[in-house]
């Protein structure tokens, strides 16, 4: 009996293909999600308010507990640091650990440097000039912006990617750290503030909330813009002091000094310290909002420029030979 020839394999598998799932695969959640900063801010604010109320109403403590100081100073800034870390890209070359270290130690270093310079300067000016308060407030921008950019340069040590975008992130982190430690100082000083009635509780709450509202638009924005200009001037891994960097520093220091000096400048105009403080605070908010708009426009243009540089041009298809 002769063997029959083997039949050819079927053109298709003998089993039906697996059914396609109509359920979309959900992407894994990154940390707390894009709105995690709001959860951090709301949670820390709730704990801060509970601690402040307990200190003043239950414990009858004249001062503030360490928990109240830390939560009040780091509530908004911790939320914004989370947002910065969430928006980091691998091309930025900045790790989350470096960003947090720049926030904590960079902000602390800048604050300590500013104190070491401002304290003796204020002492000298108070002894030699009747307009000491106006002078010291005006010089705050020059001193503090220099201290913060020094901290940014130290935080960038070993960073291989130094672009305008990475400068925004690292400068913003140092500025947020500076704002956090400074807010703790103002919260403690608010206990002796008699401009908002005679209630220490009301003074603490208004001071902390007021600085939380405009704080993210002052130190972080100004330091981020200056650091971005400095990083953009980097050549061969080395920072350079170009005319753009000098102009950016002088402009940012002038705006910073104006924000601090406005209440003192307005006293001779309005003739009342309380009215000058209120009007100065209103103008400070407007200037801070303007700084935020400048940062927003600058960052958007920078992102568009980066996306434009990364766009691969589409070449026309070659015609077949003999066409």
C-alpha atoms as a PDB file:
ATOM      1  CA  UNK A   1       0.000   0.000   0.000  1.00  0.00           C
ATOM      2  CA  UNK A   2       1.477   3.278  -1.103  1.00  0.00           C
ATOM      3  CA  UNK A   3       1.671   6.205   1.318  1.00  0.00           C
ATOM      4  CA  UNK A   4      -0.615   9.062   0.530  1.00  0.00           C
ATOM      5  CA  UNK A   5       1.075  12.418   0.017  1.00  0.00           C
ATOM      6  CA  UNK A   6       0.946  14.661   3.063  1.00  0.00           C
ATOM      7  CA  UNK A   7      -1.735  17.276   2.860  1.00  0.00           C
ATOM      8  CA  UNK A   8      -0.516  20.862   2.732  1.00  0.00           C
ATOM      9  CA  UNK A   9      -0.810  22.826   5.955  1.00  0.00           C
ATOM     10  CA  UNK A  10      -3.955  24.859   6.285  1.00  0.00           C
ATOM     11  CA  UNK A  11      -3.587  28.495   5.338  1.00  0.00           C
ATOM     12  CA  UNK A  12      -4.881  29.544   8.757  1.00  0.00           C
ATOM     13  CA  UNK A  13      -4.368  28.086  12.233  1.00  0.00           C
ATOM     14  CA  UNK A  14      -6.878  25.402  13.078  1.00  0.00           C
ATOM     15  CA  UNK A  15      -7.940  27.353  16.155  1.00  0.00           C
ATOM     16  CA  UNK A  16      -9.771  30.661  16.216  1.00  0.00           C
ATOM     17  CA  UNK A  17      -7.774  33.782  17.121  1.00  0.00           C
ATOM     18  CA  UNK A  18      -8.181  35.053  20.667  1.00  0.00           C
ATOM     19  CA  UNK A  19     -10.959  37.593  21.022  1.00  0.00           C
ATOM     20  CA  UNK A  20      -9.925  41.205  21.266  1.00  0.00           C
ATOM     21  CA  UNK A  21     -10.615  42.788  24.616  1.00  0.00           C
ATOM     22  CA  UNK A  22     -12.922  45.745  24.410  1.00  0.00           C
ATOM     23  CA  UNK A  23     -11.807  46.988  27.832  1.00  0.00           C
ATOM     24  CA  UNK A  24      -9.067  49.634  27.624  1.00  0.00           C
ATOM     25  CA  UNK A  25      -5.970  48.920  29.630  1.00  0.00           C
ATOM     26  CA  UNK A  26      -5.612  51.583  32.329  1.00  0.00           C
ATOM     27  CA  UNK A  27      -2.180  53.128  32.677  1.00  0.00           C
ATOM     28  CA  UNK A  28      -0.460  52.695  35.996  1.00  0.00           C
ATOM     29  CA  UNK A  29      -0.906  55.634  38.357  1.00  0.00           C
ATOM     30  CA  UNK A  30       2.219  57.716  38.974  1.00  0.00           C
ATOM     31  CA  UNK A  31       2.546  58.614  42.653  1.00  0.00           C
ATOM     32  CA  UNK A  32      -0.535  60.621  43.667  1.00  0.00           C
ATOM     33  CA  UNK A  33      -1.437  61.584  40.113  1.00  0.00           C
ATOM     34  CA  UNK A  34      -1.301  64.993  38.409  1.00  0.00           C
ATOM     35  CA  UNK A  35      -3.440  66.578  41.149  1.00  0.00           C
ATOM     36  CA  UNK A  36      -1.383  65.142  43.984  1.00  0.00           C
ATOM     37  CA  UNK A  37      -0.076  68.596  44.845  1.00  0.00           C
ATOM     38  CA  UNK A  38      -3.581  69.677  45.822  1.00  0.00           C
ATOM     39  CA  UNK A  39      -3.964  66.670  48.121  1.00  0.00           C
ATOM     40  CA  UNK A  40      -0.638  67.450  49.789  1.00  0.00           C
ATOM     41  CA  UNK A  41      -1.546  71.109  50.253  1.00  0.00           C
ATOM     42  CA  UNK A  42      -5.026  70.411  51.621  1.00  0.00           C
ATOM     43  CA  UNK A  43      -3.790  67.671  53.947  1.00  0.00           C
ATOM     44  CA  UNK A  44      -0.895  69.691  55.368  1.00  0.00           C
ATOM     45  CA  UNK A  45      -3.106  72.779  55.714  1.00  0.00           C
ATOM     46  CA  UNK A  46      -5.681  70.794  57.698  1.00  0.00           C
ATOM     47  CA  UNK A  47      -2.993  69.457  60.044  1.00  0.00           C
ATOM     48  CA  UNK A  48      -1.490  72.947  60.370  1.00  0.00           C
ATOM     49  CA  UNK A  49      -4.835  74.537  61.250  1.00  0.00           C
ATOM     50  CA  UNK A  50      -5.516  71.834  63.840  1.00  0.00           C
ATOM     51  CA  UNK A  51      -2.094  72.385  65.439  1.00  0.00           C
ATOM     52  CA  UNK A  52      -2.468  76.160  65.533  1.00  0.00           C
ATOM     53  CA  UNK A  53      -5.947  75.973  67.060  1.00  0.00           C
ATOM     54  CA  UNK A  54      -4.739  73.445  69.628  1.00  0.00           C
ATOM     55  CA  UNK A  55      -1.719  75.595  70.523  1.00  0.00           C
ATOM     56  CA  UNK A  56      -3.709  78.781  70.990  1.00  0.00           C
ATOM     57  CA  UNK A  57      -7.105  77.629  72.260  1.00  0.00           C
ATOM     58  CA  UNK A  58      -6.443  74.366  74.121  1.00  0.00           C
ATOM     59  CA  UNK A  59      -2.818  74.405  75.198  1.00  0.00           C
ATOM     60  CA  UNK A  60      -2.752  78.223  75.573  1.00  0.00           C
ATOM     61  CA  UNK A  61       0.804  78.233  74.293  1.00  0.00           C
ATOM     62  CA  UNK A  62       2.117  81.718  73.562  1.00  0.00           C
ATOM     63  CA  UNK A  63       4.494  80.403  70.923  1.00  0.00           C
ATOM     64  CA  UNK A  64       4.021  77.910  68.142  1.00  0.00           C
ATOM     65  CA  UNK A  65       4.837  74.208  68.303  1.00  0.00           C
ATOM     66  CA  UNK A  66       7.455  72.859  65.870  1.00  0.00           C
ATOM     67  CA  UNK A  67       4.663  71.036  64.037  1.00  0.00           C
ATOM     68  CA  UNK A  68       2.785  74.294  63.466  1.00  0.00           C
ATOM     69  CA  UNK A  69       5.889  76.055  62.163  1.00  0.00           C
ATOM     70  CA  UNK A  70       6.876  73.242  59.786  1.00  0.00           C
ATOM     71  CA  UNK A  71       3.373  72.627  58.472  1.00  0.00           C
ATOM     72  CA  UNK A  72       2.733  76.346  57.999  1.00  0.00           C
ATOM     73  CA  UNK A  73       5.985  76.939  56.168  1.00  0.00           C
ATOM     74  CA  UNK A  74       6.049  73.800  54.031  1.00  0.00           C
ATOM     75  CA  UNK A  75       2.369  73.298  53.159  1.00  0.00           C
ATOM     76  CA  UNK A  76       2.249  75.122  49.829  1.00  0.00           C
ATOM     77  CA  UNK A  77       5.909  74.638  48.983  1.00  0.00           C
ATOM     78  CA  UNK A  78       5.784  70.853  49.472  1.00  0.00           C
ATOM     79  CA  UNK A  79       2.771  70.702  47.157  1.00  0.00           C
ATOM     80  CA  UNK A  80       4.626  72.661  44.484  1.00  0.00           C
ATOM     81  CA  UNK A  81       7.750  70.527  44.844  1.00  0.00           C
ATOM     82  CA  UNK A  82       5.580  67.482  44.185  1.00  0.00           C
ATOM     83  CA  UNK A  83       4.232  69.189  41.058  1.00  0.00           C
ATOM     84  CA  UNK A  84       7.751  69.978  39.844  1.00  0.00           C
ATOM     85  CA  UNK A  85       8.888  66.405  40.460  1.00  0.00           C
ATOM     86  CA  UNK A  86       5.816  65.058  38.660  1.00  0.00           C
ATOM     87  CA  UNK A  87       6.609  67.150  35.577  1.00  0.00           C
ATOM     88  CA  UNK A  88      10.272  66.149  35.348  1.00  0.00           C
ATOM     89  CA  UNK A  89      11.311  64.420  32.133  1.00  0.00           C
ATOM     90  CA  UNK A  90      14.290  62.096  31.581  1.00  0.00           C
ATOM     91  CA  UNK A  91      15.742  64.665  29.177  1.00  0.00           C
ATOM     92  CA  UNK A  92      15.951  67.209  32.022  1.00  0.00           C
ATOM     93  CA  UNK A  93      18.710  65.187  33.666  1.00  0.00           C
ATOM     94  CA  UNK A  94      17.441  66.021  37.178  1.00  0.00           C
ATOM     95  CA  UNK A  95      16.474  63.218  39.521  1.00  0.00           C
ATOM     96  CA  UNK A  96      13.716  63.570  42.078  1.00  0.00           C
ATOM     97  CA  UNK A  97      16.295  63.115  44.841  1.00  0.00           C
ATOM     98  CA  UNK A  98      18.364  66.045  43.538  1.00  0.00           C
ATOM     99  CA  UNK A  99      15.231  68.196  43.279  1.00  0.00           C
ATOM    100  CA  UNK A 100      14.248  67.466  46.886  1.00  0.00           C
ATOM    101  CA  UNK A 101      17.808  68.060  48.139  1.00  0.00           C
ATOM    102  CA  UNK A 102      17.883  71.384  46.283  1.00  0.00           C
ATOM    103  CA  UNK A 103      14.568  72.260  47.921  1.00  0.00           C
ATOM    104  CA  UNK A 104      15.675  71.408  51.467  1.00  0.00           C
ATOM    105  CA  UNK A 105      19.400  72.052  51.656  1.00  0.00           C
ATOM    106  CA  UNK A 106      19.567  74.630  48.868  1.00  0.00           C
ATOM    107  CA  UNK A 107      16.770  76.647  50.451  1.00  0.00           C
ATOM    108  CA  UNK A 108      18.377  76.333  53.896  1.00  0.00           C
ATOM    109  CA  UNK A 109      21.797  77.363  52.569  1.00  0.00           C
ATOM    110  CA  UNK A 110      20.388  80.404  50.776  1.00  0.00           C
ATOM    111  CA  UNK A 111      18.473  81.447  53.896  1.00  0.00           C
ATOM    112  CA  UNK A 112      21.541  81.164  56.125  1.00  0.00           C
ATOM    113  CA  UNK A 113      23.721  83.063  53.656  1.00  0.00           C
ATOM    114  CA  UNK A 114      21.159  85.864  53.484  1.00  0.00           C
ATOM    115  CA  UNK A 115      20.998  86.097  57.287  1.00  0.00           C
ATOM    116  CA  UNK A 116      24.788  86.207  57.599  1.00  0.00           C
ATOM    117  CA  UNK A 117      24.983  89.079  55.102  1.00  0.00           C
ATOM    118  CA  UNK A 118      21.845  91.039  56.019  1.00  0.00           C
ATOM    119  CA  UNK A 119      22.305  91.045  59.808  1.00  0.00           C
ATOM    120  CA  UNK A 120      25.613  92.957  59.925  1.00  0.00           C
ATOM    121  CA  UNK A 121      24.505  95.168  57.034  1.00  0.00           C
ATOM    122  CA  UNK A 122      21.338  96.185  58.867  1.00  0.00           C
ATOM    123  CA  UNK A 123      23.363  96.885  61.991  1.00  0.00           C
ATOM    124  CA  UNK A 124      25.717  99.200  60.082  1.00  0.00           C
ATOM    125  CA  UNK A 125      22.906 100.988  58.235  1.00  0.00           C
ATOM    126  CA  UNK A 126      20.867 101.531  61.406  1.00  0.00           C
ATOM    127  CA  UNK A 127      23.800 103.348  63.004  1.00  0.00           C
ATOM    128  CA  UNK A 128      24.576 105.563  60.036  1.00  0.00           C
ATOM    129  CA  UNK A 129      21.388 106.443  58.140  1.00  0.00           C
ATOM    130  CA  UNK A 130      17.943 107.734  59.119  1.00  0.00           C
ATOM    131  CA  UNK A 131      16.350 105.865  56.182  1.00  0.00           C
ATOM    132  CA  UNK A 132      17.720 102.540  57.383  1.00  0.00           C
ATOM    133  CA  UNK A 133      14.496 100.565  56.919  1.00  0.00           C
ATOM    134  CA  UNK A 134      14.025 101.681  53.323  1.00  0.00           C
ATOM    135  CA  UNK A 135      17.649 100.936  52.446  1.00  0.00           C
ATOM    136  CA  UNK A 136      17.685  97.477  54.016  1.00  0.00           C
ATOM    137  CA  UNK A 137      14.392  96.525  52.385  1.00  0.00           C
ATOM    138  CA  UNK A 138      15.602  97.728  48.995  1.00  0.00           C
ATOM    139  CA  UNK A 139      18.873  95.793  49.311  1.00  0.00           C
ATOM    140  CA  UNK A 140      17.025  92.592  50.216  1.00  0.00           C
ATOM    141  CA  UNK A 141      16.521  91.753  46.554  1.00  0.00           C
ATOM    142  CA  UNK A 142      20.207  92.139  45.690  1.00  0.00           C
ATOM    143  CA  UNK A 143      21.358  90.053  48.656  1.00  0.00           C
ATOM    144  CA  UNK A 144      18.731  87.306  48.637  1.00  0.00           C
ATOM    145  CA  UNK A 145      18.741  86.729  44.876  1.00  0.00           C
ATOM    146  CA  UNK A 146      22.539  86.412  44.951  1.00  0.00           C
ATOM    147  CA  UNK A 147      22.365  83.931  47.843  1.00  0.00           C
ATOM    148  CA  UNK A 148      19.737  81.841  46.078  1.00  0.00           C
ATOM    149  CA  UNK A 149      21.599  81.662  42.784  1.00  0.00           C
ATOM    150  CA  UNK A 150      24.753  80.607  44.676  1.00  0.00           C
ATOM    151  CA  UNK A 151      22.729  77.778  46.212  1.00  0.00           C
ATOM    152  CA  UNK A 152      21.455  76.823  42.740  1.00  0.00           C
ATOM    153  CA  UNK A 153      25.005  76.615  41.379  1.00  0.00           C
ATOM    154  CA  UNK A 154      26.006  74.363  44.292  1.00  0.00           C
ATOM    155  CA  UNK A 155      22.898  72.203  43.802  1.00  0.00           C
ATOM    156  CA  UNK A 156      23.802  71.816  40.109  1.00  0.00           C
ATOM    157  CA  UNK A 157      27.230  70.374  40.880  1.00  0.00           C
ATOM    158  CA  UNK A 158      27.711  67.176  38.867  1.00  0.00           C
ATOM    159  CA  UNK A 159      24.633  67.858  36.729  1.00  0.00           C
ATOM    160  CA  UNK A 160      25.431  66.868  33.155  1.00  0.00           C
ATOM    161  CA  UNK A 161      22.360  68.482  31.583  1.00  0.00           C
ATOM    162  CA  UNK A 162      22.284  72.244  32.042  1.00  0.00           C
ATOM    163  CA  UNK A 163      19.611  73.780  29.890  1.00  0.00           C
ATOM    164  CA  UNK A 164      17.167  76.630  30.318  1.00  0.00           C
ATOM    165  CA  UNK A 165      14.450  74.124  31.219  1.00  0.00           C
ATOM    166  CA  UNK A 166      16.546  72.340  33.865  1.00  0.00           C
ATOM    167  CA  UNK A 167      17.371  75.760  35.313  1.00  0.00           C
ATOM    168  CA  UNK A 168      13.666  76.439  35.758  1.00  0.00           C
ATOM    169  CA  UNK A 169      13.266  73.256  37.798  1.00  0.00           C
ATOM    170  CA  UNK A 170      16.384  73.572  39.952  1.00  0.00           C
ATOM    171  CA  UNK A 171      15.956  77.311  40.512  1.00  0.00           C
ATOM    172  CA  UNK A 172      12.302  76.820  41.383  1.00  0.00           C
ATOM    173  CA  UNK A 173      13.220  74.135  43.928  1.00  0.00           C
ATOM    174  CA  UNK A 174      15.770  76.368  45.689  1.00  0.00           C
ATOM    175  CA  UNK A 175      13.328  79.287  45.623  1.00  0.00           C
ATOM    176  CA  UNK A 176      10.603  77.144  47.170  1.00  0.00           C
ATOM    177  CA  UNK A 177      12.975  76.020  49.915  1.00  0.00           C
ATOM    178  CA  UNK A 178      13.959  79.620  50.641  1.00  0.00           C
ATOM    179  CA  UNK A 179      10.288  80.619  50.797  1.00  0.00           C
ATOM    180  CA  UNK A 180       9.474  77.734  53.161  1.00  0.00           C
ATOM    181  CA  UNK A 181      12.160  78.602  55.705  1.00  0.00           C
ATOM    182  CA  UNK A 182      11.359  82.297  55.459  1.00  0.00           C
ATOM    183  CA  UNK A 183       7.652  81.605  56.006  1.00  0.00           C
ATOM    184  CA  UNK A 184       8.500  79.775  59.222  1.00  0.00           C
ATOM    185  CA  UNK A 185      10.320  82.895  60.431  1.00  0.00           C
ATOM    186  CA  UNK A 186       7.391  85.169  59.572  1.00  0.00           C
ATOM    187  CA  UNK A 187       4.903  82.798  61.196  1.00  0.00           C
ATOM    188  CA  UNK A 188       6.852  82.920  64.454  1.00  0.00           C
ATOM    189  CA  UNK A 189       7.146  86.717  64.250  1.00  0.00           C
ATOM    190  CA  UNK A 190       3.402  87.060  63.616  1.00  0.00           C
ATOM    191  CA  UNK A 191       2.759  86.434  67.316  1.00  0.00           C
ATOM    192  CA  UNK A 192       4.014  89.952  68.088  1.00  0.00           C
ATOM    193  CA  UNK A 193       2.240  91.558  65.126  1.00  0.00           C
ATOM    194  CA  UNK A 194      -0.347  94.076  66.304  1.00  0.00           C
ATOM    195  CA  UNK A 195      -1.389  95.336  62.864  1.00  0.00           C
ATOM    196  CA  UNK A 196      -4.120  92.698  62.505  1.00  0.00           C
ATOM    197  CA  UNK A 197      -5.981  93.368  65.730  1.00  0.00           C
ATOM    198  CA  UNK A 198      -4.730  91.997  69.022  1.00  0.00           C
ATOM    199  CA  UNK A 199      -5.443  88.324  68.365  1.00  0.00           C
ATOM    200  CA  UNK A 200      -2.290  86.213  67.925  1.00  0.00           C
ATOM    201  CA  UNK A 201      -4.411  83.480  66.358  1.00  0.00           C
ATOM    202  CA  UNK A 202      -5.824  85.801  63.691  1.00  0.00           C
ATOM    203  CA  UNK A 203      -2.382  87.270  63.055  1.00  0.00           C
ATOM    204  CA  UNK A 204      -0.812  83.822  62.544  1.00  0.00           C
ATOM    205  CA  UNK A 205      -3.568  82.644  60.190  1.00  0.00           C
ATOM    206  CA  UNK A 206      -3.603  85.794  58.046  1.00  0.00           C
ATOM    207  CA  UNK A 207       0.189  85.942  57.826  1.00  0.00           C
ATOM    208  CA  UNK A 208       0.572  82.280  56.880  1.00  0.00           C
ATOM    209  CA  UNK A 209      -2.259  82.246  54.344  1.00  0.00           C
ATOM    210  CA  UNK A 210      -1.151  85.560  52.875  1.00  0.00           C
ATOM    211  CA  UNK A 211       2.377  84.312  52.299  1.00  0.00           C
ATOM    212  CA  UNK A 212       1.101  80.977  50.967  1.00  0.00           C
ATOM    213  CA  UNK A 213      -0.996  82.802  48.391  1.00  0.00           C
ATOM    214  CA  UNK A 214       1.698  85.076  46.947  1.00  0.00           C
ATOM    215  CA  UNK A 215       4.821  83.177  48.081  1.00  0.00           C
ATOM    216  CA  UNK A 216       4.880  80.771  45.094  1.00  0.00           C
ATOM    217  CA  UNK A 217       4.907  83.789  42.777  1.00  0.00           C
ATOM    218  CA  UNK A 218       7.889  85.509  44.385  1.00  0.00           C
ATOM    219  CA  UNK A 219      10.993  83.538  45.444  1.00  0.00           C
ATOM    220  CA  UNK A 220      10.389  80.400  43.321  1.00  0.00           C
ATOM    221  CA  UNK A 221       9.452  82.301  40.158  1.00  0.00           C
ATOM    222  CA  UNK A 222      12.286  84.827  40.410  1.00  0.00           C
ATOM    223  CA  UNK A 223      14.950  82.237  41.192  1.00  0.00           C
ATOM    224  CA  UNK A 224      13.645  79.924  38.454  1.00  0.00           C
ATOM    225  CA  UNK A 225      13.855  82.678  35.831  1.00  0.00           C
ATOM    226  CA  UNK A 226      17.356  83.743  36.884  1.00  0.00           C
ATOM    227  CA  UNK A 227      18.600  80.150  37.018  1.00  0.00           C
ATOM    228  CA  UNK A 228      17.106  79.451  33.602  1.00  0.00           C
ATOM    229  CA  UNK A 229      19.008  82.374  32.062  1.00  0.00           C
ATOM    230  CA  UNK A 230      22.201  81.260  33.824  1.00  0.00           C
ATOM    231  CA  UNK A 231      21.819  77.644  32.674  1.00  0.00           C
ATOM    232  CA  UNK A 232      21.086  78.763  29.115  1.00  0.00           C
ATOM    233  CA  UNK A 233      24.435  80.618  29.084  1.00  0.00           C
ATOM    234  CA  UNK A 234      26.348  77.441  30.011  1.00  0.00           C
ATOM    235  CA  UNK A 235      29.052  76.370  27.569  1.00  0.00           C
ATOM    236  CA  UNK A 236      31.039  73.134  27.815  1.00  0.00           C
ATOM    237  CA  UNK A 237      29.521  72.385  31.201  1.00  0.00           C
ATOM    238  CA  UNK A 238      30.663  75.685  32.746  1.00  0.00           C
ATOM    239  CA  UNK A 239      28.525  78.561  33.928  1.00  0.00           C
ATOM    240  CA  UNK A 240      29.174  81.928  32.311  1.00  0.00           C
ATOM    241  CA  UNK A 241      28.260  85.424  33.479  1.00  0.00           C
ATOM    242  CA  UNK A 242      26.996  87.006  30.254  1.00  0.00           C
ATOM    243  CA  UNK A 243      25.250  90.330  29.787  1.00  0.00           C
ATOM    244  CA  UNK A 244      21.907  88.478  29.676  1.00  0.00           C
ATOM    245  CA  UNK A 245      22.625  86.953  33.083  1.00  0.00           C
ATOM    246  CA  UNK A 246      23.605  90.352  34.535  1.00  0.00           C
ATOM    247  CA  UNK A 247      20.490  92.070  33.162  1.00  0.00           C
ATOM    248  CA  UNK A 248      18.244  89.262  34.422  1.00  0.00           C
ATOM    249  CA  UNK A 249      19.825  89.434  37.898  1.00  0.00           C
ATOM    250  CA  UNK A 250      19.491  93.230  38.153  1.00  0.00           C
ATOM    251  CA  UNK A 251      15.894  93.195  36.913  1.00  0.00           C
ATOM    252  CA  UNK A 252      14.836  90.400  39.277  1.00  0.00           C
ATOM    253  CA  UNK A 253      16.676  91.974  42.229  1.00  0.00           C
ATOM    254  CA  UNK A 254      14.977  95.313  41.501  1.00  0.00           C
ATOM    255  CA  UNK A 255      11.509  93.734  41.449  1.00  0.00           C
ATOM    256  CA  UNK A 256      12.278  91.820  44.646  1.00  0.00           C
ATOM    257  CA  UNK A 257      13.511  94.975  46.375  1.00  0.00           C
ATOM    258  CA  UNK A 258      10.456  96.917  45.224  1.00  0.00           C
ATOM    259  CA  UNK A 259       8.118  94.312  46.696  1.00  0.00           C
ATOM    260  CA  UNK A 260       9.868  94.544  50.071  1.00  0.00           C
ATOM    261  CA  UNK A 261      10.193  98.345  50.086  1.00  0.00           C
ATOM    262  CA  UNK A 262       6.713  99.334  48.863  1.00  0.00           C
ATOM    263  CA  UNK A 263       5.076  99.742  52.319  1.00  0.00           C
ATOM    264  CA  UNK A 264       7.935 102.000  53.462  1.00  0.00           C
ATOM    265  CA  UNK A 265       7.863 104.006  50.227  1.00  0.00           C
ATOM    266  CA  UNK A 266       4.111 104.618  50.525  1.00  0.00           C
ATOM    267  CA  UNK A 267       4.136 105.966  54.096  1.00  0.00           C
ATOM    268  CA  UNK A 268       5.095 109.541  53.079  1.00  0.00           C
ATOM    269  CA  UNK A 269       2.516 109.414  50.284  1.00  0.00           C
ATOM    270  CA  UNK A 270      -0.543 108.232  52.249  1.00  0.00           C
ATOM    271  CA  UNK A 271       0.568 109.513  55.666  1.00  0.00           C
ATOM    272  CA  UNK A 272      -0.560 106.415  57.577  1.00  0.00           C
ATOM    273  CA  UNK A 273       1.419 103.257  58.304  1.00  0.00           C
ATOM    274  CA  UNK A 274      -1.599 100.919  58.313  1.00  0.00           C
ATOM    275  CA  UNK A 275      -2.938 102.299  55.022  1.00  0.00           C
ATOM    276  CA  UNK A 276       0.539 102.094  53.496  1.00  0.00           C
ATOM    277  CA  UNK A 277       0.839  98.465  54.595  1.00  0.00           C
ATOM    278  CA  UNK A 278      -2.532  97.563  53.067  1.00  0.00           C
ATOM    279  CA  UNK A 279      -1.873  99.398  49.821  1.00  0.00           C
ATOM    280  CA  UNK A 280       1.646  97.973  49.664  1.00  0.00           C
ATOM    281  CA  UNK A 281       0.318  94.433  50.162  1.00  0.00           C
ATOM    282  CA  UNK A 282      -2.170  94.956  47.317  1.00  0.00           C
ATOM    283  CA  UNK A 283       0.536  96.222  44.976  1.00  0.00           C
ATOM    284  CA  UNK A 284       2.800  93.353  46.050  1.00  0.00           C
ATOM    285  CA  UNK A 285       0.130  90.877  45.004  1.00  0.00           C
ATOM    286  CA  UNK A 286      -0.198  92.566  41.594  1.00  0.00           C
ATOM    287  CA  UNK A 287       3.577  92.544  41.081  1.00  0.00           C
ATOM    288  CA  UNK A 288       3.749  88.899  42.150  1.00  0.00           C
ATOM    289  CA  UNK A 289       0.982  88.026  39.694  1.00  0.00           C
ATOM    290  CA  UNK A 290       2.882  89.873  36.975  1.00  0.00           C
ATOM    291  CA  UNK A 291       5.986  87.834  37.788  1.00  0.00           C
ATOM    292  CA  UNK A 292       3.912  84.675  37.522  1.00  0.00           C
ATOM    293  CA  UNK A 293       2.633  85.734  34.094  1.00  0.00           C
ATOM    294  CA  UNK A 294       6.202  86.390  32.933  1.00  0.00           C
ATOM    295  CA  UNK A 295       7.213  82.924  34.132  1.00  0.00           C
ATOM    296  CA  UNK A 296       4.235  81.327  32.383  1.00  0.00           C
ATOM    297  CA  UNK A 297       4.910  83.043  29.048  1.00  0.00           C
ATOM    298  CA  UNK A 298       8.634  82.275  29.275  1.00  0.00           C
ATOM    299  CA  UNK A 299       8.147  78.600  30.134  1.00  0.00           C
ATOM    300  CA  UNK A 300       5.595  78.097  27.354  1.00  0.00           C
ATOM    301  CA  UNK A 301       7.868  79.670  24.761  1.00  0.00           C
ATOM    302  CA  UNK A 302      10.728  77.546  26.030  1.00  0.00           C
ATOM    303  CA  UNK A 303       8.655  74.366  25.736  1.00  0.00           C
ATOM    304  CA  UNK A 304       7.560  75.297  22.206  1.00  0.00           C
ATOM    305  CA  UNK A 305      11.184  75.910  21.256  1.00  0.00           C
ATOM    306  CA  UNK A 306      12.198  72.516  22.667  1.00  0.00           C
ATOM    307  CA  UNK A 307       9.361  70.751  20.852  1.00  0.00           C
ATOM    308  CA  UNK A 308      10.291  72.538  17.628  1.00  0.00           C
ATOM    309  CA  UNK A 309      13.897  71.403  17.945  1.00  0.00           C
ATOM    310  CA  UNK A 310      12.784  67.815  18.536  1.00  0.00           C
ATOM    311  CA  UNK A 311      10.457  67.697  15.509  1.00  0.00           C
ATOM    312  CA  UNK A 312      11.775  65.382  12.788  1.00  0.00           C
ATOM    313  CA  UNK A 313      11.263  66.912   9.334  1.00  0.00           C
ATOM    314  CA  UNK A 314       9.279  64.752   6.895  1.00  0.00           C
ATOM    315  CA  UNK A 315      11.286  64.234   3.694  1.00  0.00           C
ATOM    316  CA  UNK A 316       9.429  63.849   0.377  1.00  0.00           C
ATOM    317  CA  UNK A 317       9.271  60.286  -0.874  1.00  0.00           C
ATOM    318  CA  UNK A 318      11.657  59.458  -3.705  1.00  0.00           C
ATOM    319  CA  UNK A 319      10.087  58.734  -7.074  1.00  0.00           C
ATOM    320  CA  UNK A 320      10.669  55.262  -8.463  1.00  0.00           C
ATOM    321  CA  UNK A 321      13.246  55.067 -11.245  1.00  0.00           C
ATOM    322  CA  UNK A 322      11.875  55.611 -14.698  1.00  0.00           C
ATOM    323  CA  UNK A 323       8.814  57.447 -13.440  1.00  0.00           C
END
